[in-house]
Amino acid sequence: MPAPAVLKVAKTPTGYCLRVEGRGSLKESRSAAEFVLQSLAANPPPTVCVDLSACDHLDSTFLGCLVEMQRRVAKAPAGPRFFVSAPAEKVKKLLSPTKLDVVLKTTAEPPQLSGDWVELSAADPASPDVVRHVMECHRRLAELGGPQHAAFAAIADNIERELHSKQERP
């Protein structure tokens, strides 16, 4: 039986550490993205680390979310302050199949914590915001190219069509 999915955040001396325990899926992805976007409103923008040392699996939505997080943090005025933390074997298992190990900035050690872990709630996967988030995450993966870019683009296109058809219904 897979480990339950848990998303936690703790303060570090320069920002935040977001920890994924068990499985990182579309449910946790939306919550992670919202937290990172809200944290970017701080002045100066914080350093954000996503700790995958206790993560067993990342679905494609969470992978795309990592790419989007890095992109958003890089646009912050203080420059890039985003990295993924995981031992080399986790990086290989979780990121290498999609070649994100060469796209995302990684380090083996998570930052030192200066606060306690706080659990973040998972989002409702049926929510229209989550559905849009899933589409956008797959678009980010498709834009990178890579071995599965056509599959990611097809998923994003299908979700976009479904969203448009729901909007057109009375």
N, C-alpha and C. Protein backbone atom coordinates (compact mmCIF):
# COMPACT_ATOMS: atom_id res chain seq x y z
N MET A 1 0.85 -1.19 0.00
CA MET A 1 0.00 0.00 0.00
C MET A 1 0.89 1.25 0.00
N PRO A 2 0.63 2.20 -0.92
CA PRO A 2 1.47 3.39 -1.00
C PRO A 2 1.32 4.25 0.25
N ALA A 3 2.38 4.98 0.57
CA ALA A 3 2.35 5.90 1.70
C ALA A 3 1.35 7.02 1.41
N PRO A 4 0.68 7.51 2.46
CA PRO A 4 -0.26 8.61 2.23
C PRO A 4 0.49 9.86 1.76
N ALA A 5 -0.18 10.66 0.99
CA ALA A 5 0.41 11.90 0.50
C ALA A 5 0.28 12.98 1.57
N VAL A 6 1.39 13.61 1.88
CA VAL A 6 1.40 14.68 2.87
C VAL A 6 2.27 15.81 2.31
N LEU A 7 1.76 17.01 2.41
CA LEU A 7 2.48 18.20 1.97
C LEU A 7 2.65 19.09 3.19
N LYS A 8 3.92 19.42 3.50
CA LYS A 8 4.23 20.23 4.68
C LYS A 8 5.10 21.40 4.27
N VAL A 9 5.05 22.45 5.07
CA VAL A 9 5.91 23.60 4.84
C VAL A 9 6.51 24.04 6.18
N ALA A 10 7.76 24.48 6.12
CA ALA A 10 8.43 25.02 7.31
C ALA A 10 9.27 26.22 6.89
N LYS A 11 9.46 27.12 7.80
CA LYS A 11 10.27 28.31 7.57
C LYS A 11 11.75 27.91 7.60
N THR A 12 12.54 28.56 6.76
CA THR A 12 13.99 28.42 6.77
C THR A 12 14.58 29.81 7.00
N PRO A 13 15.86 29.94 7.24
CA PRO A 13 16.44 31.29 7.44
C PRO A 13 16.23 32.24 6.26
N THR A 14 16.07 31.70 5.03
CA THR A 14 15.92 32.58 3.86
C THR A 14 14.58 32.41 3.13
N GLY A 15 13.69 31.61 3.68
CA GLY A 15 12.41 31.40 2.99
C GLY A 15 11.64 30.23 3.54
N TYR A 16 11.36 29.25 2.64
CA TYR A 16 10.51 28.13 3.03
C TYR A 16 11.02 26.83 2.43
N CYS A 17 10.73 25.75 3.14
CA CYS A 17 10.97 24.41 2.63
C CYS A 17 9.60 23.73 2.53
N LEU A 18 9.27 23.27 1.36
CA LEU A 18 8.02 22.58 1.08
C LEU A 18 8.36 21.11 0.93
N ARG A 19 7.83 20.26 1.79
CA ARG A 19 8.20 18.84 1.82
C ARG A 19 7.05 17.99 1.31
N VAL A 20 7.37 17.10 0.37
CA VAL A 20 6.40 16.15 -0.17
C VAL A 20 6.72 14.79 0.43
N GLU A 21 5.76 14.23 1.14
CA GLU A 21 5.93 12.90 1.72
C GLU A 21 4.96 11.94 1.05
N GLY A 22 5.45 10.76 0.71
CA GLY A 22 4.60 9.78 0.02
C GLY A 22 4.51 10.11 -1.46
N ARG A 23 3.32 10.38 -1.93
CA ARG A 23 3.08 10.66 -3.35
C ARG A 23 2.72 12.13 -3.55
N GLY A 24 3.35 12.73 -4.54
CA GLY A 24 2.98 14.09 -4.93
C GLY A 24 2.09 14.00 -6.16
N SER A 25 0.85 14.40 -6.01
CA SER A 25 -0.11 14.25 -7.11
C SER A 25 -0.79 15.58 -7.40
N LEU A 26 -1.73 15.55 -8.33
CA LEU A 26 -2.46 16.76 -8.69
C LEU A 26 -3.14 17.38 -7.49
N LYS A 27 -3.55 16.59 -6.50
CA LYS A 27 -4.20 17.14 -5.31
C LYS A 27 -3.23 17.99 -4.50
N GLU A 28 -2.02 17.52 -4.31
CA GLU A 28 -1.03 18.27 -3.55
C GLU A 28 -0.41 19.39 -4.39
N SER A 29 -0.34 19.18 -5.69
CA SER A 29 0.30 20.11 -6.60
C SER A 29 -0.33 21.50 -6.54
N ARG A 30 -1.63 21.56 -6.60
CA ARG A 30 -2.32 22.86 -6.59
C ARG A 30 -2.04 23.61 -5.29
N SER A 31 -2.06 22.90 -4.15
CA SER A 31 -1.78 23.52 -2.86
C SER A 31 -0.34 24.02 -2.80
N ALA A 32 0.59 23.22 -3.33
CA ALA A 32 2.00 23.63 -3.36
C ALA A 32 2.17 24.89 -4.20
N ALA A 33 1.54 24.91 -5.37
CA ALA A 33 1.65 26.07 -6.25
C ALA A 33 1.08 27.33 -5.61
N GLU A 34 -0.06 27.21 -4.96
CA GLU A 34 -0.67 28.36 -4.30
C GLU A 34 0.24 28.90 -3.21
N PHE A 35 0.85 28.01 -2.43
CA PHE A 35 1.74 28.45 -1.37
C PHE A 35 2.93 29.21 -1.95
N VAL A 36 3.54 28.66 -2.98
CA VAL A 36 4.71 29.32 -3.59
C VAL A 36 4.32 30.67 -4.16
N LEU A 37 3.20 30.76 -4.86
CA LEU A 37 2.78 32.05 -5.42
C LEU A 37 2.53 33.08 -4.33
N GLN A 38 1.89 32.66 -3.25
CA GLN A 38 1.65 33.60 -2.14
C GLN A 38 2.97 34.05 -1.51
N SER A 39 3.91 33.14 -1.38
CA SER A 39 5.19 33.50 -0.76
C SER A 39 5.97 34.50 -1.61
N LEU A 40 5.77 34.48 -2.93
CA LEU A 40 6.49 35.40 -3.81
C LEU A 40 6.07 36.85 -3.61
N ALA A 41 4.95 37.07 -2.93
CA ALA A 41 4.50 38.43 -2.68
C ALA A 41 5.36 39.13 -1.63
N ALA A 42 6.14 38.36 -0.87
CA ALA A 42 7.01 38.95 0.15
C ALA A 42 8.12 39.76 -0.51
N ASN A 43 8.63 40.75 0.23
CA ASN A 43 9.71 41.57 -0.29
C ASN A 43 10.86 41.55 0.70
N PRO A 44 11.98 40.99 0.39
CA PRO A 44 12.34 40.35 -0.87
C PRO A 44 11.70 38.97 -0.97
N PRO A 45 11.56 38.46 -2.20
CA PRO A 45 10.99 37.12 -2.37
C PRO A 45 11.87 36.08 -1.68
N PRO A 46 11.24 35.08 -1.07
CA PRO A 46 12.01 34.08 -0.34
C PRO A 46 12.65 33.04 -1.26
N THR A 47 13.60 32.32 -0.70
CA THR A 47 14.12 31.12 -1.35
C THR A 47 13.12 30.01 -1.05
N VAL A 48 12.79 29.22 -2.06
CA VAL A 48 11.85 28.11 -1.88
C VAL A 48 12.57 26.82 -2.24
N CYS A 49 12.52 25.88 -1.32
CA CYS A 49 13.08 24.55 -1.55
C CYS A 49 11.94 23.55 -1.51
N VAL A 50 11.88 22.67 -2.48
CA VAL A 50 10.93 21.56 -2.45
C VAL A 50 11.74 20.32 -2.08
N ASP A 51 11.46 19.78 -0.91
CA ASP A 51 12.18 18.63 -0.38
C ASP A 51 11.46 17.34 -0.80
N LEU A 52 12.14 16.54 -1.62
CA LEU A 52 11.56 15.28 -2.10
C LEU A 52 12.20 14.06 -1.43
N SER A 53 12.94 14.27 -0.35
CA SER A 53 13.65 13.15 0.28
C SER A 53 12.72 12.08 0.83
N ALA A 54 11.48 12.42 1.15
CA ALA A 54 10.51 11.44 1.66
C ALA A 54 9.43 11.13 0.64
N CYS A 55 9.65 11.51 -0.60
CA CYS A 55 8.67 11.31 -1.67
C CYS A 55 8.94 9.99 -2.40
N ASP A 56 7.88 9.25 -2.67
CA ASP A 56 7.99 7.97 -3.38
C ASP A 56 7.61 8.06 -4.85
N HIS A 57 6.75 9.02 -5.19
CA HIS A 57 6.25 9.12 -6.57
C HIS A 57 5.75 10.54 -6.82
N LEU A 58 6.00 11.04 -8.03
CA LEU A 58 5.43 12.32 -8.48
C LEU A 58 4.67 12.07 -9.76
N ASP A 59 3.40 12.49 -9.79
CA ASP A 59 2.67 12.35 -11.05
C ASP A 59 3.06 13.49 -11.99
N SER A 60 2.59 13.40 -13.22
CA SER A 60 3.00 14.39 -14.22
C SER A 60 2.54 15.80 -13.85
N THR A 61 1.40 15.92 -13.18
CA THR A 61 0.94 17.25 -12.78
C THR A 61 1.92 17.87 -11.79
N PHE A 62 2.35 17.10 -10.81
CA PHE A 62 3.29 17.65 -9.83
C PHE A 62 4.63 17.98 -10.49
N LEU A 63 5.07 17.15 -11.43
CA LEU A 63 6.30 17.45 -12.16
C LEU A 63 6.19 18.77 -12.91
N GLY A 64 5.07 18.96 -13.60
CA GLY A 64 4.85 20.21 -14.32
C GLY A 64 4.76 21.39 -13.37
N CYS A 65 4.21 21.15 -12.20
CA CYS A 65 4.11 22.20 -11.19
C CYS A 65 5.50 22.63 -10.72
N LEU A 66 6.41 21.68 -10.57
CA LEU A 66 7.78 22.02 -10.19
C LEU A 66 8.43 22.93 -11.23
N VAL A 67 8.18 22.62 -12.51
CA VAL A 67 8.72 23.45 -13.59
C VAL A 67 8.12 24.85 -13.52
N GLU A 68 6.82 24.94 -13.29
CA GLU A 68 6.16 26.23 -13.19
C GLU A 68 6.64 27.01 -11.97
N MET A 69 6.84 26.32 -10.85
CA MET A 69 7.34 27.01 -9.65
C MET A 69 8.71 27.62 -9.93
N GLN A 70 9.59 26.85 -10.54
CA GLN A 70 10.92 27.37 -10.85
C GLN A 70 10.82 28.57 -11.78
N ARG A 71 9.95 28.49 -12.77
CA ARG A 71 9.76 29.59 -13.72
C ARG A 71 9.26 30.85 -13.00
N ARG A 72 8.28 30.69 -12.12
CA ARG A 72 7.71 31.84 -11.41
C ARG A 72 8.72 32.48 -10.46
N VAL A 73 9.45 31.64 -9.71
CA VAL A 73 10.42 32.16 -8.77
C VAL A 73 11.55 32.88 -9.52
N ALA A 74 11.94 32.35 -10.68
CA ALA A 74 13.00 32.98 -11.47
C ALA A 74 12.60 34.37 -11.95
N LYS A 75 11.30 34.62 -12.10
CA LYS A 75 10.82 35.93 -12.54
C LYS A 75 10.75 36.95 -11.41
N ALA A 76 10.91 36.48 -10.17
CA ALA A 76 10.85 37.38 -9.03
C ALA A 76 12.02 38.37 -9.09
N PRO A 77 11.85 39.57 -8.56
CA PRO A 77 12.88 40.61 -8.66
C PRO A 77 14.26 40.20 -8.16
N ALA A 78 14.34 39.36 -7.16
CA ALA A 78 15.65 38.99 -6.60
C ALA A 78 16.33 37.87 -7.38
N GLY A 79 15.70 37.42 -8.46
CA GLY A 79 16.32 36.38 -9.28
C GLY A 79 15.96 34.98 -8.80
N PRO A 80 16.56 33.98 -9.42
CA PRO A 80 16.19 32.60 -9.12
C PRO A 80 16.55 32.20 -7.69
N ARG A 81 15.57 31.75 -6.98
CA ARG A 81 15.75 31.31 -5.61
C ARG A 81 14.87 30.09 -5.36
N PHE A 82 14.99 29.12 -6.24
CA PHE A 82 14.18 27.90 -6.15
C PHE A 82 15.07 26.70 -6.41
N PHE A 83 14.92 25.68 -5.60
CA PHE A 83 15.62 24.44 -5.86
C PHE A 83 14.86 23.26 -5.29
N VAL A 84 15.19 22.09 -5.80
CA VAL A 84 14.62 20.83 -5.35
C VAL A 84 15.70 20.11 -4.56
N SER A 85 15.33 19.60 -3.41
CA SER A 85 16.28 18.89 -2.57
C SER A 85 15.89 17.41 -2.50
N ALA A 86 16.85 16.54 -2.80
CA ALA A 86 16.63 15.10 -2.71
C ALA A 86 17.97 14.40 -2.88
N PRO A 87 18.13 13.25 -2.24
CA PRO A 87 19.34 12.47 -2.48
C PRO A 87 19.41 12.06 -3.95
N ALA A 88 20.60 11.79 -4.43
CA ALA A 88 20.81 11.48 -5.85
C ALA A 88 19.91 10.36 -6.35
N GLU A 89 19.70 9.33 -5.54
CA GLU A 89 18.85 8.21 -5.99
C GLU A 89 17.39 8.62 -6.14
N LYS A 90 16.92 9.57 -5.33
CA LYS A 90 15.55 10.09 -5.48
C LYS A 90 15.44 10.96 -6.72
N VAL A 91 16.45 11.78 -6.96
CA VAL A 91 16.45 12.62 -8.16
C VAL A 91 16.37 11.72 -9.39
N LYS A 92 17.16 10.67 -9.40
CA LYS A 92 17.16 9.75 -10.54
C LYS A 92 15.79 9.09 -10.70
N LYS A 93 15.21 8.62 -9.62
CA LYS A 93 13.92 7.92 -9.67
C LYS A 93 12.77 8.85 -10.05
N LEU A 94 12.73 10.04 -9.46
CA LEU A 94 11.58 10.93 -9.61
C LEU A 94 11.68 11.89 -10.80
N LEU A 95 12.88 12.34 -11.13
CA LEU A 95 13.02 13.39 -12.14
C LEU A 95 13.67 12.94 -13.44
N SER A 96 14.53 11.95 -13.38
CA SER A 96 15.27 11.52 -14.58
C SER A 96 14.39 10.98 -15.71
N PRO A 97 13.34 10.20 -15.42
CA PRO A 97 12.54 9.66 -16.54
C PRO A 97 11.97 10.74 -17.47
N THR A 98 11.71 11.92 -16.94
CA THR A 98 11.18 13.01 -17.77
C THR A 98 12.25 14.05 -18.09
N LYS A 99 13.49 13.76 -17.75
CA LYS A 99 14.64 14.64 -18.00
C LYS A 99 14.57 15.94 -17.20
N LEU A 100 13.75 15.97 -16.16
CA LEU A 100 13.67 17.18 -15.34
C LEU A 100 14.86 17.32 -14.42
N ASP A 101 15.65 16.27 -14.30
CA ASP A 101 16.87 16.36 -13.50
C ASP A 101 17.86 17.35 -14.12
N VAL A 102 17.75 17.62 -15.41
CA VAL A 102 18.62 18.60 -16.05
C VAL A 102 17.96 19.98 -16.17
N VAL A 103 16.66 20.05 -15.89
CA VAL A 103 15.92 21.31 -16.00
C VAL A 103 15.84 22.01 -14.64
N LEU A 104 15.59 21.22 -13.60
CA LEU A 104 15.41 21.78 -12.27
C LEU A 104 16.74 21.86 -11.53
N LYS A 105 16.92 22.93 -10.78
CA LYS A 105 18.11 23.07 -9.94
C LYS A 105 17.91 22.15 -8.72
N THR A 106 18.85 21.22 -8.51
CA THR A 106 18.72 20.27 -7.41
C THR A 106 19.93 20.32 -6.49
N THR A 107 19.71 19.89 -5.29
CA THR A 107 20.76 19.74 -4.29
C THR A 107 20.42 18.52 -3.44
N ALA A 108 21.43 17.89 -2.88
CA ALA A 108 21.20 16.68 -2.09
C ALA A 108 20.67 16.98 -0.69
N GLU A 109 20.98 18.15 -0.17
CA GLU A 109 20.61 18.48 1.21
C GLU A 109 19.54 19.56 1.28
N PRO A 110 18.51 19.34 2.09
CA PRO A 110 17.51 20.40 2.29
C PRO A 110 18.08 21.50 3.17
N PRO A 111 17.48 22.67 3.15
CA PRO A 111 17.99 23.76 3.99
C PRO A 111 17.70 23.49 5.47
N GLN A 112 18.41 24.20 6.31
CA GLN A 112 18.16 24.14 7.74
C GLN A 112 16.81 24.80 8.02
N LEU A 113 16.03 24.21 8.91
CA LEU A 113 14.72 24.77 9.24
C LEU A 113 14.84 25.74 10.41
N SER A 114 14.01 26.77 10.39
CA SER A 114 13.96 27.70 11.52
C SER A 114 12.55 27.76 12.10
N GLY A 115 11.69 26.84 11.66
CA GLY A 115 10.33 26.78 12.16
C GLY A 115 9.82 25.35 12.11
N ASP A 116 8.64 25.14 12.66
CA ASP A 116 8.03 23.81 12.69
C ASP A 116 7.29 23.53 11.38
N TRP A 117 7.12 22.24 11.09
CA TRP A 117 6.36 21.83 9.92
C TRP A 117 4.88 22.14 10.13
N VAL A 118 4.24 22.64 9.09
CA VAL A 118 2.80 22.88 9.08
C VAL A 118 2.25 22.14 7.87
N GLU A 119 1.23 21.33 8.07
CA GLU A 119 0.67 20.55 6.96
C GLU A 119 -0.26 21.43 6.12
N LEU A 120 -0.13 21.30 4.81
CA LEU A 120 -1.02 22.00 3.88
C LEU A 120 -2.10 21.03 3.42
N SER A 121 -3.29 21.53 3.26
CA SER A 121 -4.40 20.69 2.80
C SER A 121 -4.29 20.44 1.31
N ALA A 122 -4.72 19.26 0.90
CA ALA A 122 -4.78 18.93 -0.53
C ALA A 122 -6.02 19.60 -1.13
N ALA A 123 -5.96 19.87 -2.41
CA ALA A 123 -7.07 20.50 -3.11
C ALA A 123 -8.06 19.45 -3.61
N ASP A 124 -9.28 19.88 -3.86
CA ASP A 124 -10.31 19.00 -4.42
C ASP A 124 -10.02 18.80 -5.90
N PRO A 125 -9.73 17.55 -6.32
CA PRO A 125 -9.36 17.32 -7.72
C PRO A 125 -10.48 17.65 -8.72
N ALA A 126 -11.72 17.75 -8.25
CA ALA A 126 -12.83 18.07 -9.15
C ALA A 126 -13.02 19.57 -9.32
N SER A 127 -12.31 20.37 -8.55
CA SER A 127 -12.43 21.81 -8.63
C SER A 127 -11.98 22.31 -10.01
N PRO A 128 -12.72 23.26 -10.60
CA PRO A 128 -12.30 23.82 -11.90
C PRO A 128 -10.89 24.42 -11.84
N ASP A 129 -10.52 25.01 -10.70
CA ASP A 129 -9.17 25.57 -10.56
C ASP A 129 -8.11 24.48 -10.64
N VAL A 130 -8.39 23.32 -10.05
CA VAL A 130 -7.44 22.21 -10.09
C VAL A 130 -7.36 21.66 -11.51
N VAL A 131 -8.49 21.56 -12.18
CA VAL A 131 -8.51 21.06 -13.55
C VAL A 131 -7.67 21.97 -14.45
N ARG A 132 -7.82 23.29 -14.30
CA ARG A 132 -7.01 24.25 -15.06
C ARG A 132 -5.54 24.12 -14.70
N HIS A 133 -5.27 23.92 -13.43
CA HIS A 133 -3.90 23.73 -12.96
C HIS A 133 -3.27 22.50 -13.62
N VAL A 134 -4.01 21.41 -13.69
CA VAL A 134 -3.52 20.19 -14.33
C VAL A 134 -3.17 20.47 -15.79
N MET A 135 -4.04 21.20 -16.48
CA MET A 135 -3.80 21.55 -17.88
C MET A 135 -2.52 22.38 -18.01
N GLU A 136 -2.37 23.41 -17.16
CA GLU A 136 -1.20 24.28 -17.24
C GLU A 136 0.09 23.53 -16.94
N CYS A 137 0.05 22.62 -15.97
CA CYS A 137 1.25 21.84 -15.63
C CYS A 137 1.67 20.96 -16.80
N HIS A 138 0.71 20.38 -17.49
CA HIS A 138 1.04 19.54 -18.65
C HIS A 138 1.55 20.40 -19.82
N ARG A 139 1.05 21.62 -19.92
CA ARG A 139 1.58 22.55 -20.95
C ARG A 139 3.06 22.84 -20.67
N ARG A 140 3.40 23.10 -19.40
CA ARG A 140 4.81 23.38 -19.06
C ARG A 140 5.69 22.20 -19.44
N LEU A 141 5.24 20.98 -19.16
CA LEU A 141 6.04 19.80 -19.51
C LEU A 141 6.17 19.67 -21.02
N ALA A 142 5.10 19.91 -21.75
CA ALA A 142 5.13 19.81 -23.21
C ALA A 142 6.09 20.84 -23.80
N GLU A 143 6.10 22.05 -23.24
CA GLU A 143 6.97 23.12 -23.74
C GLU A 143 8.45 22.80 -23.60
N LEU A 144 8.77 21.93 -22.65
CA LEU A 144 10.18 21.57 -22.44
C LEU A 144 10.72 20.64 -23.51
N GLY A 145 9.83 20.05 -24.30
CA GLY A 145 10.28 19.04 -25.25
C GLY A 145 10.45 17.74 -24.49
N GLY A 146 11.49 17.03 -24.75
CA GLY A 146 11.74 15.80 -24.00
C GLY A 146 10.99 14.61 -24.57
N PRO A 147 11.23 13.45 -23.97
CA PRO A 147 10.72 12.21 -24.54
C PRO A 147 9.20 12.08 -24.55
N GLN A 148 8.51 12.79 -23.65
CA GLN A 148 7.06 12.62 -23.55
C GLN A 148 6.29 13.90 -23.88
N HIS A 149 6.93 14.83 -24.58
CA HIS A 149 6.27 16.12 -24.82
C HIS A 149 4.97 15.99 -25.59
N ALA A 150 4.88 15.08 -26.54
CA ALA A 150 3.64 14.92 -27.32
C ALA A 150 2.50 14.41 -26.44
N ALA A 151 2.81 13.49 -25.55
CA ALA A 151 1.79 12.97 -24.64
C ALA A 151 1.31 14.06 -23.69
N PHE A 152 2.24 14.86 -23.17
CA PHE A 152 1.85 15.95 -22.27
C PHE A 152 1.01 17.00 -23.00
N ALA A 153 1.37 17.31 -24.24
CA ALA A 153 0.59 18.27 -25.03
C ALA A 153 -0.81 17.74 -25.30
N ALA A 154 -0.92 16.45 -25.59
CA ALA A 154 -2.24 15.85 -25.85
C ALA A 154 -3.12 15.90 -24.60
N ILE A 155 -2.53 15.64 -23.45
CA ILE A 155 -3.30 15.72 -22.20
C ILE A 155 -3.80 17.14 -21.99
N ALA A 156 -2.92 18.13 -22.15
CA ALA A 156 -3.31 19.53 -21.97
C ALA A 156 -4.39 19.92 -22.97
N ASP A 157 -4.25 19.50 -24.23
CA ASP A 157 -5.25 19.82 -25.26
C ASP A 157 -6.60 19.21 -24.92
N ASN A 158 -6.61 17.96 -24.46
CA ASN A 158 -7.87 17.30 -24.11
C ASN A 158 -8.56 18.01 -22.94
N ILE A 159 -7.80 18.39 -21.94
CA ILE A 159 -8.39 19.10 -20.80
C ILE A 159 -8.93 20.45 -21.25
N GLU A 160 -8.19 21.14 -22.11
CA GLU A 160 -8.66 22.43 -22.61
C GLU A 160 -9.97 22.29 -23.37
N ARG A 161 -10.06 21.26 -24.21
CA ARG A 161 -11.32 21.01 -24.94
C ARG A 161 -12.47 20.74 -23.97
N GLU A 162 -12.21 19.94 -22.95
CA GLU A 162 -13.26 19.64 -21.96
C GLU A 162 -13.70 20.91 -21.23
N LEU A 163 -12.75 21.74 -20.87
CA LEU A 163 -13.10 22.99 -20.19
C LEU A 163 -13.95 23.89 -21.08
N HIS A 164 -13.58 24.00 -22.35
CA HIS A 164 -14.35 24.82 -23.29
C HIS A 164 -15.75 24.25 -23.51
N SER A 165 -15.85 22.95 -23.63
CA SER A 165 -17.19 22.35 -23.86
C SER A 165 -18.08 22.52 -22.63
N LYS A 166 -17.52 22.52 -21.44
CA LYS A 166 -18.32 22.77 -20.22
C LYS A 166 -18.79 24.21 -20.16
N GLN A 167 -17.95 25.15 -20.65
CA GLN A 167 -18.32 26.55 -20.64
C GLN A 167 -19.43 26.84 -21.66
N GLU A 168 -19.46 26.08 -22.74
CA GLU A 168 -20.44 26.32 -23.79
C GLU A 168 -21.80 25.72 -23.48
N ARG A 169 -21.84 24.76 -22.58
CA ARG A 169 -23.13 24.14 -22.21
C ARG A 169 -23.95 25.11 -21.38
N PRO A 170 -25.28 25.08 -21.61
CA PRO A 170 -26.16 25.99 -20.82
C PRO A 170 -26.29 25.54 -19.39
